[in-house]
mmCIF file of all heavy atoms, coordinates in Angstrom:
data_MODEL
# 
_entry.id   MODEL 
# 
loop_
_atom_site.group_PDB 
_atom_site.id 
_atom_site.type_symbol 
_atom_site.label_atom_id 
_atom_site.label_alt_id 
_atom_site.label_comp_id 
_atom_site.label_asym_id 
_atom_site.label_entity_id 
_atom_site.label_seq_id 
_atom_site.pdbx_PDB_ins_code 
_atom_site.Cartn_x 
_atom_site.Cartn_y 
_atom_site.Cartn_z 
_atom_site.occupancy 
_atom_site.B_iso_or_equiv 
_atom_site.pdbx_formal_charge 
_atom_site.auth_seq_id 
_atom_site.auth_comp_id 
_atom_site.auth_asym_id 
_atom_site.auth_atom_id 
_atom_site.pdbx_PDB_model_num 
ATOM 1   N N   . THR A 1 1  ? -4.011  -3.512  19.926 1.00 0.00 ? 1  THR A N   1 
ATOM 2   C CA  . THR A 1 1  ? -4.968  -4.608  19.773 1.00 0.00 ? 1  THR A CA  1 
ATOM 3   C C   . THR A 1 1  ? -4.863  -5.231  18.393 1.00 0.00 ? 1  THR A C   1 
ATOM 4   O O   . THR A 1 1  ? -4.870  -4.531  17.388 1.00 0.00 ? 1  THR A O   1 
ATOM 5   C CB  . THR A 1 1  ? -6.401  -4.087  20.010 1.00 0.00 ? 1  THR A CB  1 
ATOM 6   O OG1 . THR A 1 1  ? -6.479  -3.547  21.335 1.00 0.00 ? 1  THR A OG1 1 
ATOM 7   C CG2 . THR A 1 1  ? -7.438  -5.173  19.837 1.00 0.00 ? 1  THR A CG2 1 
ATOM 8   N N   . LEU A 1 2  ? -4.781  -6.567  18.370 1.00 0.00 ? 2  LEU A N   1 
ATOM 9   C CA  . LEU A 1 2  ? -4.863  -7.329  17.134 1.00 0.00 ? 2  LEU A CA  1 
ATOM 10  C C   . LEU A 1 2  ? -6.270  -7.884  17.048 1.00 0.00 ? 2  LEU A C   1 
ATOM 11  O O   . LEU A 1 2  ? -6.685  -8.657  17.911 1.00 0.00 ? 2  LEU A O   1 
ATOM 12  C CB  . LEU A 1 2  ? -3.850  -8.472  17.109 1.00 0.00 ? 2  LEU A CB  1 
ATOM 13  C CG  . LEU A 1 2  ? -3.962  -9.409  15.910 1.00 0.00 ? 2  LEU A CG  1 
ATOM 14  C CD1 . LEU A 1 2  ? -3.612  -8.676  14.607 1.00 0.00 ? 2  LEU A CD1 1 
ATOM 15  C CD2 . LEU A 1 2  ? -3.078  -10.631 16.099 1.00 0.00 ? 2  LEU A CD2 1 
ATOM 16  N N   . LEU A 1 3  ? -7.007  -7.469  16.038 1.00 0.00 ? 3  LEU A N   1 
ATOM 17  C CA  . LEU A 1 3  ? -8.379  -7.923  15.850 1.00 0.00 ? 3  LEU A CA  1 
ATOM 18  C C   . LEU A 1 3  ? -8.475  -8.607  14.500 1.00 0.00 ? 3  LEU A C   1 
ATOM 19  O O   . LEU A 1 3  ? -8.053  -8.051  13.483 1.00 0.00 ? 3  LEU A O   1 
ATOM 20  C CB  . LEU A 1 3  ? -9.345  -6.732  15.908 1.00 0.00 ? 3  LEU A CB  1 
ATOM 21  C CG  . LEU A 1 3  ? -10.818 -7.075  15.736 1.00 0.00 ? 3  LEU A CG  1 
ATOM 22  C CD1 . LEU A 1 3  ? -11.666 -6.176  16.618 1.00 0.00 ? 3  LEU A CD1 1 
ATOM 23  C CD2 . LEU A 1 3  ? -11.278 -6.967  14.306 1.00 0.00 ? 3  LEU A CD2 1 
ATOM 24  N N   . SER A 1 4  ? -9.014  -9.813  14.499 1.00 0.00 ? 4  SER A N   1 
ATOM 25  C CA  . SER A 1 4  ? -9.259  -10.520 13.249 1.00 0.00 ? 4  SER A CA  1 
ATOM 26  C C   . SER A 1 4  ? -10.486 -11.391 13.438 1.00 0.00 ? 4  SER A C   1 
ATOM 27  O O   . SER A 1 4  ? -10.931 -11.629 14.567 1.00 0.00 ? 4  SER A O   1 
ATOM 28  C CB  . SER A 1 4  ? -8.038  -11.364 12.870 1.00 0.00 ? 4  SER A CB  1 
ATOM 29  O OG  . SER A 1 4  ? -7.960  -11.493 11.479 1.00 0.00 ? 4  SER A OG  1 
ATOM 30  N N   . ASN A 1 5  ? -11.035 -11.882 12.324 1.00 0.00 ? 5  ASN A N   1 
ATOM 31  C CA  . ASN A 1 5  ? -12.245 -12.694 12.437 1.00 0.00 ? 5  ASN A CA  1 
ATOM 32  C C   . ASN A 1 5  ? -11.909 -14.129 12.829 1.00 0.00 ? 5  ASN A C   1 
ATOM 33  O O   . ASN A 1 5  ? -10.758 -14.560 12.780 1.00 0.00 ? 5  ASN A O   1 
ATOM 34  C CB  . ASN A 1 5  ? -13.091 -12.613 11.167 1.00 0.00 ? 5  ASN A CB  1 
ATOM 35  C CG  . ASN A 1 5  ? -12.425 -13.227 9.964  1.00 0.00 ? 5  ASN A CG  1 
ATOM 36  O OD1 . ASN A 1 5  ? -11.599 -14.126 10.067 1.00 0.00 ? 5  ASN A OD1 1 
ATOM 37  N ND2 . ASN A 1 5  ? -12.789 -12.758 8.791  1.00 0.00 ? 5  ASN A ND2 1 
ATOM 38  N N   . ALA A 1 6  ? -12.931 -14.863 13.226 1.00 0.00 ? 6  ALA A N   1 
ATOM 39  C CA  . ALA A 1 6  ? -12.753 -16.230 13.708 1.00 0.00 ? 6  ALA A CA  1 
ATOM 40  C C   . ALA A 1 6  ? -12.107 -17.120 12.650 1.00 0.00 ? 6  ALA A C   1 
ATOM 41  O O   . ALA A 1 6  ? -11.235 -17.932 12.971 1.00 0.00 ? 6  ALA A O   1 
ATOM 42  C CB  . ALA A 1 6  ? -14.099 -16.797 14.141 1.00 0.00 ? 6  ALA A CB  1 
ATOM 43  N N   . GLU A 1 7  ? -12.508 -16.967 11.400 1.00 0.00 ? 7  GLU A N   1 
ATOM 44  C CA  . GLU A 1 7  ? -11.945 -17.799 10.340 1.00 0.00 ? 7  GLU A CA  1 
ATOM 45  C C   . GLU A 1 7  ? -10.438 -17.592 10.203 1.00 0.00 ? 7  GLU A C   1 
ATOM 46  O O   . GLU A 1 7  ? -9.680  -18.552 9.995  1.00 0.00 ? 7  GLU A O   1 
ATOM 47  C CB  . GLU A 1 7  ? -12.630 -17.519 9.001  1.00 0.00 ? 7  GLU A CB  1 
ATOM 48  C CG  . GLU A 1 7  ? -12.132 -18.413 7.888  1.00 0.00 ? 7  GLU A CG  1 
ATOM 49  C CD  . GLU A 1 7  ? -12.754 -18.131 6.536  1.00 0.00 ? 7  GLU A CD  1 
ATOM 50  O OE1 . GLU A 1 7  ? -13.492 -17.135 6.397  1.00 0.00 ? 7  GLU A OE1 1 
ATOM 51  O OE2 . GLU A 1 7  ? -12.495 -18.910 5.606  1.00 0.00 ? 7  GLU A OE2 1 
ATOM 52  N N   . THR A 1 8  ? -9.966  -16.379 10.343 1.00 0.00 ? 8  THR A N   1 
ATOM 53  C CA  . THR A 1 8  ? -8.533  -16.098 10.234 1.00 0.00 ? 8  THR A CA  1 
ATOM 54  C C   . THR A 1 8  ? -7.750  -16.803 11.333 1.00 0.00 ? 8  THR A C   1 
ATOM 55  O O   . THR A 1 8  ? -6.698  -17.403 11.077 1.00 0.00 ? 8  THR A O   1 
ATOM 56  C CB  . THR A 1 8  ? -8.279  -14.585 10.270 1.00 0.00 ? 8  THR A CB  1 
ATOM 57  O OG1 . THR A 1 8  ? -8.963  -13.980 9.173  1.00 0.00 ? 8  THR A OG1 1 
ATOM 58  C CG2 . THR A 1 8  ? -6.800  -14.263 10.185 1.00 0.00 ? 8  THR A CG2 1 
ATOM 59  N N   . TYR A 1 9  ? -8.253  -16.754 12.571 1.00 0.00 ? 9  TYR A N   1 
ATOM 60  C CA  . TYR A 1 9  ? -7.566  -17.450 13.658 1.00 0.00 ? 9  TYR A CA  1 
ATOM 61  C C   . TYR A 1 9  ? -7.603  -18.967 13.451 1.00 0.00 ? 9  TYR A C   1 
ATOM 62  O O   . TYR A 1 9  ? -6.630  -19.659 13.774 1.00 0.00 ? 9  TYR A O   1 
ATOM 63  C CB  . TYR A 1 9  ? -8.148  -17.062 15.021 1.00 0.00 ? 9  TYR A CB  1 
ATOM 64  C CG  . TYR A 1 9  ? -7.789  -15.653 15.420 1.00 0.00 ? 9  TYR A CG  1 
ATOM 65  C CD1 . TYR A 1 9  ? -8.757  -14.673 15.546 1.00 0.00 ? 9  TYR A CD1 1 
ATOM 66  C CD2 . TYR A 1 9  ? -6.467  -15.305 15.670 1.00 0.00 ? 9  TYR A CD2 1 
ATOM 67  C CE1 . TYR A 1 9  ? -8.425  -13.375 15.919 1.00 0.00 ? 9  TYR A CE1 1 
ATOM 68  C CE2 . TYR A 1 9  ? -6.121  -14.006 16.036 1.00 0.00 ? 9  TYR A CE2 1 
ATOM 69  C CZ  . TYR A 1 9  ? -7.103  -13.052 16.158 1.00 0.00 ? 9  TYR A CZ  1 
ATOM 70  O OH  . TYR A 1 9  ? -6.767  -11.772 16.529 1.00 0.00 ? 9  TYR A OH  1 
ATOM 71  N N   . ALA A 1 10 ? -8.708  -19.485 12.919 1.00 0.00 ? 10 ALA A N   1 
ATOM 72  C CA  . ALA A 1 10 ? -8.773  -20.916 12.613 1.00 0.00 ? 10 ALA A CA  1 
ATOM 73  C C   . ALA A 1 10 ? -7.728  -21.284 11.561 1.00 0.00 ? 10 ALA A C   1 
ATOM 74  O O   . ALA A 1 10 ? -7.053  -22.308 11.670 1.00 0.00 ? 10 ALA A O   1 
ATOM 75  C CB  . ALA A 1 10 ? -10.179 -21.298 12.132 1.00 0.00 ? 10 ALA A CB  1 
ATOM 76  N N   . GLN A 1 11 ? -7.571  -20.439 10.540 1.00 0.00 ? 11 GLN A N   1 
ATOM 77  C CA  . GLN A 1 11 ? -6.556  -20.680 9.503  1.00 0.00 ? 11 GLN A CA  1 
ATOM 78  C C   . GLN A 1 11 ? -5.155  -20.685 10.114 1.00 0.00 ? 11 GLN A C   1 
ATOM 79  O O   . GLN A 1 11 ? -4.305  -21.498 9.733  1.00 0.00 ? 11 GLN A O   1 
ATOM 80  C CB  . GLN A 1 11 ? -6.638  -19.613 8.411  1.00 0.00 ? 11 GLN A CB  1 
ATOM 81  C CG  . GLN A 1 11 ? -7.848  -19.716 7.537  1.00 0.00 ? 11 GLN A CG  1 
ATOM 82  C CD  . GLN A 1 11 ? -7.762  -20.885 6.560  1.00 0.00 ? 11 GLN A CD  1 
ATOM 83  O OE1 . GLN A 1 11 ? -6.760  -21.562 6.433  1.00 0.00 ? 11 GLN A OE1 1 
ATOM 84  N NE2 . GLN A 1 11 ? -8.840  -21.114 5.852  1.00 0.00 ? 11 GLN A NE2 1 
ATOM 85  N N   . LEU A 1 12 ? -4.893  -19.780 11.036 1.00 0.00 ? 12 LEU A N   1 
ATOM 86  C CA  . LEU A 1 12 ? -3.595  -19.724 11.702 1.00 0.00 ? 12 LEU A CA  1 
ATOM 87  C C   . LEU A 1 12 ? -3.326  -21.032 12.449 1.00 0.00 ? 12 LEU A C   1 
ATOM 88  O O   . LEU A 1 12 ? -2.221  -21.586 12.382 1.00 0.00 ? 12 LEU A O   1 
ATOM 89  C CB  . LEU A 1 12 ? -3.546  -18.533 12.658 1.00 0.00 ? 12 LEU A CB  1 
ATOM 90  C CG  . LEU A 1 12 ? -2.276  -18.363 13.486 1.00 0.00 ? 12 LEU A CG  1 
ATOM 91  C CD1 . LEU A 1 12 ? -1.044  -18.209 12.599 1.00 0.00 ? 12 LEU A CD1 1 
ATOM 92  C CD2 . LEU A 1 12 ? -2.423  -17.166 14.409 1.00 0.00 ? 12 LEU A CD2 1 
ATOM 93  N N   . ALA A 1 13 ? -4.336  -21.538 13.142 1.00 0.00 ? 13 ALA A N   1 
ATOM 94  C CA  . ALA A 1 13 ? -4.178  -22.796 13.878 1.00 0.00 ? 13 ALA A CA  1 
ATOM 95  C C   . ALA A 1 13 ? -3.911  -23.963 12.928 1.00 0.00 ? 13 ALA A C   1 
ATOM 96  O O   . ALA A 1 13 ? -3.047  -24.801 13.196 1.00 0.00 ? 13 ALA A O   1 
ATOM 97  C CB  . ALA A 1 13 ? -5.419  -23.071 14.723 1.00 0.00 ? 13 ALA A CB  1 
ATOM 98  N N   . VAL A 1 14 ? -4.631  -24.010 11.820 1.00 0.00 ? 14 VAL A N   1 
ATOM 99  C CA  . VAL A 1 14 ? -4.421  -25.080 10.837 1.00 0.00 ? 14 VAL A CA  1 
ATOM 100 C C   . VAL A 1 14 ? -3.005  -24.996 10.270 1.00 0.00 ? 14 VAL A C   1 
ATOM 101 O O   . VAL A 1 14 ? -2.299  -26.010 10.169 1.00 0.00 ? 14 VAL A O   1 
ATOM 102 C CB  . VAL A 1 14 ? -5.476  -25.018 9.709  1.00 0.00 ? 14 VAL A CB  1 
ATOM 103 C CG1 . VAL A 1 14 ? -5.109  -25.949 8.556  1.00 0.00 ? 14 VAL A CG1 1 
ATOM 104 C CG2 . VAL A 1 14 ? -6.851  -25.372 10.254 1.00 0.00 ? 14 VAL A CG2 1 
ATOM 105 N N   . ALA A 1 15 ? -2.575  -23.807 9.894  1.00 0.00 ? 15 ALA A N   1 
ATOM 106 C CA  . ALA A 1 15 ? -1.228  -23.624 9.344  1.00 0.00 ? 15 ALA A CA  1 
ATOM 107 C C   . ALA A 1 15 ? -0.166  -24.065 10.352 1.00 0.00 ? 15 ALA A C   1 
ATOM 108 O O   . ALA A 1 15 ? 0.822   -24.701 9.983  1.00 0.00 ? 15 ALA A O   1 
ATOM 109 C CB  . ALA A 1 15 ? -1.009  -22.169 8.930  1.00 0.00 ? 15 ALA A CB  1 
ATOM 110 N N   . ALA A 1 16 ? -0.380  -23.751 11.622 1.00 0.00 ? 16 ALA A N   1 
ATOM 111 C CA  . ALA A 1 16 ? 0.591   -24.146 12.647 1.00 0.00 ? 16 ALA A CA  1 
ATOM 112 C C   . ALA A 1 16 ? 0.607   -25.662 12.830 1.00 0.00 ? 16 ALA A C   1 
ATOM 113 O O   . ALA A 1 16 ? 1.668   -26.253 13.028 1.00 0.00 ? 16 ALA A O   1 
ATOM 114 C CB  . ALA A 1 16 ? 0.259   -23.461 13.973 1.00 0.00 ? 16 ALA A CB  1 
ATOM 115 N N   . ARG A 1 17 ? -0.547  -26.293 12.725 1.00 0.00 ? 17 ARG A N   1 
ATOM 116 C CA  . ARG A 1 17 ? -0.629  -27.746 12.912 1.00 0.00 ? 17 ARG A CA  1 
ATOM 117 C C   . ARG A 1 17 ? 0.000   -28.528 11.772 1.00 0.00 ? 17 ARG A C   1 
ATOM 118 O O   . ARG A 1 17 ? 0.674   -29.521 11.997 1.00 0.00 ? 17 ARG A O   1 
ATOM 119 C CB  . ARG A 1 17 ? -2.087  -28.179 13.076 1.00 0.00 ? 17 ARG A CB  1 
ATOM 120 C CG  . ARG A 1 17 ? -2.640  -27.850 14.418 1.00 0.00 ? 17 ARG A CG  1 
ATOM 121 C CD  . ARG A 1 17 ? -4.057  -28.334 14.569 1.00 0.00 ? 17 ARG A CD  1 
ATOM 122 N NE  . ARG A 1 17 ? -4.587  -27.898 15.849 1.00 0.00 ? 17 ARG A NE  1 
ATOM 123 C CZ  . ARG A 1 17 ? -5.828  -28.083 16.223 1.00 0.00 ? 17 ARG A CZ  1 
ATOM 124 N NH1 . ARG A 1 17 ? -6.679  -28.705 15.432 1.00 0.00 ? 17 ARG A NH1 1 
ATOM 125 N NH2 . ARG A 1 17 ? -6.232  -27.660 17.392 1.00 0.00 ? 17 ARG A NH2 1 
ATOM 126 N N   . ILE A 1 18 ? -0.262  -28.098 10.536 1.00 0.00 ? 18 ILE A N   1 
ATOM 127 C CA  . ILE A 1 18 ? 0.227   -28.894 9.406  1.00 0.00 ? 18 ILE A CA  1 
ATOM 128 C C   . ILE A 1 18 ? 1.553   -28.389 8.853  1.00 0.00 ? 18 ILE A C   1 
ATOM 129 O O   . ILE A 1 18 ? 2.171   -29.060 8.044  1.00 0.00 ? 18 ILE A O   1 
ATOM 130 C CB  . ILE A 1 18 ? -0.827  -28.997 8.279  1.00 0.00 ? 18 ILE A CB  1 
ATOM 131 C CG1 . ILE A 1 18 ? -1.087  -27.648 7.618  1.00 0.00 ? 18 ILE A CG1 1 
ATOM 132 C CG2 . ILE A 1 18 ? -2.117  -29.613 8.805  1.00 0.00 ? 18 ILE A CG2 1 
ATOM 133 C CD1 . ILE A 1 18 ? -2.014  -27.731 6.414  1.00 0.00 ? 18 ILE A CD1 1 
ATOM 134 N N   . GLY A 1 19 ? 1.987   -27.222 9.283  1.00 0.00 ? 19 GLY A N   1 
ATOM 135 C CA  . GLY A 1 19 ? 3.270   -26.681 8.859  1.00 0.00 ? 19 GLY A CA  1 
ATOM 136 C C   . GLY A 1 19 ? 3.161   -25.850 7.595  1.00 0.00 ? 19 GLY A C   1 
ATOM 137 O O   . GLY A 1 19 ? 2.230   -26.003 6.803  1.00 0.00 ? 19 GLY A O   1 
ATOM 138 N N   . PRO A 1 20 ? 4.129   -24.955 7.398  1.00 0.00 ? 20 PRO A N   1 
ATOM 139 C CA  . PRO A 1 20 ? 4.059   -24.012 6.277  1.00 0.00 ? 20 PRO A CA  1 
ATOM 140 C C   . PRO A 1 20 ? 4.122   -24.679 4.896  1.00 0.00 ? 20 PRO A C   1 
ATOM 141 O O   . PRO A 1 20 ? 3.454   -24.259 3.967  1.00 0.00 ? 20 PRO A O   1 
ATOM 142 C CB  . PRO A 1 20 ? 5.251   -23.086 6.495  1.00 0.00 ? 20 PRO A CB  1 
ATOM 143 C CG  . PRO A 1 20 ? 6.145   -23.814 7.423  1.00 0.00 ? 20 PRO A CG  1 
ATOM 144 C CD  . PRO A 1 20 ? 5.296   -24.731 8.236  1.00 0.00 ? 20 PRO A CD  1 
ATOM 145 N N   . ARG A 1 21 ? 4.913   -25.729 4.776  1.00 0.00 ? 21 ARG A N   1 
ATOM 146 C CA  . ARG A 1 21 ? 5.037   -26.380 3.469  1.00 0.00 ? 21 ARG A CA  1 
ATOM 147 C C   . ARG A 1 21 ? 3.716   -27.008 3.038  1.00 0.00 ? 21 ARG A C   1 
ATOM 148 O O   . ARG A 1 21 ? 3.230   -26.784 1.939  1.00 0.00 ? 21 ARG A O   1 
ATOM 149 C CB  . ARG A 1 21 ? 6.154   -27.425 3.516  1.00 0.00 ? 21 ARG A CB  1 
ATOM 150 C CG  . ARG A 1 21 ? 6.397   -28.130 2.205  1.00 0.00 ? 21 ARG A CG  1 
ATOM 151 C CD  . ARG A 1 21 ? 7.670   -28.986 2.309  1.00 0.00 ? 21 ARG A CD  1 
ATOM 152 N NE  . ARG A 1 21 ? 7.704   -30.071 1.384  1.00 0.00 ? 21 ARG A NE  1 
ATOM 153 C CZ  . ARG A 1 21 ? 7.977   -29.949 0.099  1.00 0.00 ? 21 ARG A CZ  1 
ATOM 154 N NH1 . ARG A 1 21 ? 8.215   -28.758 -0.394 1.00 0.00 ? 21 ARG A NH1 1 
ATOM 155 N NH2 . ARG A 1 21 ? 7.993   -30.997 -0.688 1.00 0.00 ? 21 ARG A NH2 1 
ATOM 156 N N   . ARG A 1 22 ? 3.138   -27.793 3.931  1.00 0.00 ? 22 ARG A N   1 
ATOM 157 C CA  . ARG A 1 22 ? 1.862   -28.454 3.592  1.00 0.00 ? 22 ARG A CA  1 
ATOM 158 C C   . ARG A 1 22 ? 0.743   -27.420 3.420  1.00 0.00 ? 22 ARG A C   1 
ATOM 159 O O   . ARG A 1 22 ? -0.077  -27.528 2.524  1.00 0.00 ? 22 ARG A O   1 
ATOM 160 C CB  . ARG A 1 22 ? 1.519   -29.465 4.679  1.00 0.00 ? 22 ARG A CB  1 
ATOM 161 C CG  . ARG A 1 22 ? 0.328   -30.306 4.346  1.00 0.00 ? 22 ARG A CG  1 
ATOM 162 C CD  . ARG A 1 22 ? 0.194   -31.460 5.313  1.00 0.00 ? 22 ARG A CD  1 
ATOM 163 N NE  . ARG A 1 22 ? -1.105  -32.072 5.176  1.00 0.00 ? 22 ARG A NE  1 
ATOM 164 C CZ  . ARG A 1 22 ? -1.723  -32.700 6.148  1.00 0.00 ? 22 ARG A CZ  1 
ATOM 165 N NH1 . ARG A 1 22 ? -1.145  -32.845 7.324  1.00 0.00 ? 22 ARG A NH1 1 
ATOM 166 N NH2 . ARG A 1 22 ? -2.913  -33.218 5.946  1.00 0.00 ? 22 ARG A NH2 1 
ATOM 167 N N   . TYR A 1 23 ? 0.732   -26.412 4.290  1.00 0.00 ? 23 TYR A N   1 
ATOM 168 C CA  . TYR A 1 23 ? -0.289  -25.368 4.181  1.00 0.00 ? 23 TYR A CA  1 
ATOM 169 C C   . TYR A 1 23 ? -0.159  -24.639 2.846  1.00 0.00 ? 23 TYR A C   1 
ATOM 170 O O   . TYR A 1 23 ? -1.149  -24.358 2.182  1.00 0.00 ? 23 TYR A O   1 
ATOM 171 C CB  . TYR A 1 23 ? -0.171  -24.370 5.341  1.00 0.00 ? 23 TYR A CB  1 
ATOM 172 C CG  . TYR A 1 23 ? -1.289  -23.358 5.378  1.00 0.00 ? 23 TYR A CG  1 
ATOM 173 C CD1 . TYR A 1 23 ? -2.496  -23.661 5.981  1.00 0.00 ? 23 TYR A CD1 1 
ATOM 174 C CD2 . TYR A 1 23 ? -1.140  -22.101 4.810  1.00 0.00 ? 23 TYR A CD2 1 
ATOM 175 C CE1 . TYR A 1 23 ? -3.528  -22.742 6.024  1.00 0.00 ? 23 TYR A CE1 1 
ATOM 176 C CE2 . TYR A 1 23 ? -2.163  -21.168 4.847  1.00 0.00 ? 23 TYR A CE2 1 
ATOM 177 C CZ  . TYR A 1 23 ? -3.355  -21.495 5.456  1.00 0.00 ? 23 TYR A CZ  1 
ATOM 178 O OH  . TYR A 1 23 ? -4.379  -20.582 5.486  1.00 0.00 ? 23 TYR A OH  1 
ATOM 179 N N   . GLY A 1 24 ? 1.068   -24.353 2.442  1.00 0.00 ? 24 GLY A N   1 
ATOM 180 C CA  . GLY A 1 24 ? 1.315   -23.661 1.176  1.00 0.00 ? 24 GLY A CA  1 
ATOM 181 C C   . GLY A 1 24 ? 0.906   -24.452 -0.045 1.00 0.00 ? 24 GLY A C   1 
ATOM 182 O O   . GLY A 1 24 ? 0.650   -23.887 -1.107 1.00 0.00 ? 24 GLY A O   1 
ATOM 183 N N   . HIS A 1 25 ? 0.810   -25.768 0.110  1.00 0.00 ? 25 HIS A N   1 
ATOM 184 C CA  . HIS A 1 25 ? 0.395   -26.616 -1.006 1.00 0.00 ? 25 HIS A CA  1 
ATOM 185 C C   . HIS A 1 25 ? -1.094  -26.942 -0.977 1.00 0.00 ? 25 HIS A C   1 
ATOM 186 O O   . HIS A 1 25 ? -1.590  -27.684 -1.818 1.00 0.00 ? 25 HIS A O   1 
ATOM 187 C CB  . HIS A 1 25 ? 1.216   -27.912 -1.024 1.00 0.00 ? 25 HIS A CB  1 
ATOM 188 C CG  . HIS A 1 25 ? 2.614   -27.680 -1.485 1.00 0.00 ? 25 HIS A CG  1 
ATOM 189 N ND1 . HIS A 1 25 ? 3.653   -27.475 -0.599 1.00 0.00 ? 25 HIS A ND1 1 
ATOM 190 C CD2 . HIS A 1 25 ? 3.147   -27.572 -2.721 1.00 0.00 ? 25 HIS A CD2 1 
ATOM 191 C CE1 . HIS A 1 25 ? 4.761   -27.273 -1.264 1.00 0.00 ? 25 HIS A CE1 1 
ATOM 192 N NE2 . HIS A 1 25 ? 4.488   -27.310 -2.568 1.00 0.00 ? 25 HIS A NE2 1 
ATOM 193 N N   . THR A 1 26 ? -1.800  -26.415 0.004  1.00 0.00 ? 26 THR A N   1 
ATOM 194 C CA  . THR A 1 26 ? -3.248  -26.576 0.088  1.00 0.00 ? 26 THR A CA  1 
ATOM 195 C C   . THR A 1 26 ? -3.886  -25.345 -0.549 1.00 0.00 ? 26 THR A C   1 
ATOM 196 O O   . THR A 1 26 ? -3.431  -24.235 -0.345 1.00 0.00 ? 26 THR A O   1 
ATOM 197 C CB  . THR A 1 26 ? -3.694  -26.683 1.558  1.00 0.00 ? 26 THR A CB  1 
ATOM 198 O OG1 . THR A 1 26 ? -3.008  -27.762 2.164  1.00 0.00 ? 26 THR A OG1 1 
ATOM 199 C CG2 . THR A 1 26 ? -5.183  -26.896 1.680  1.00 0.00 ? 26 THR A CG2 1 
# 
């Protein structure tokens, strides 16, 4: 089981949407 909080999954979705380069500069 992978368990994480809601904020972590939201961050994953944002990173996937904007890409690693842009996410890394935020």
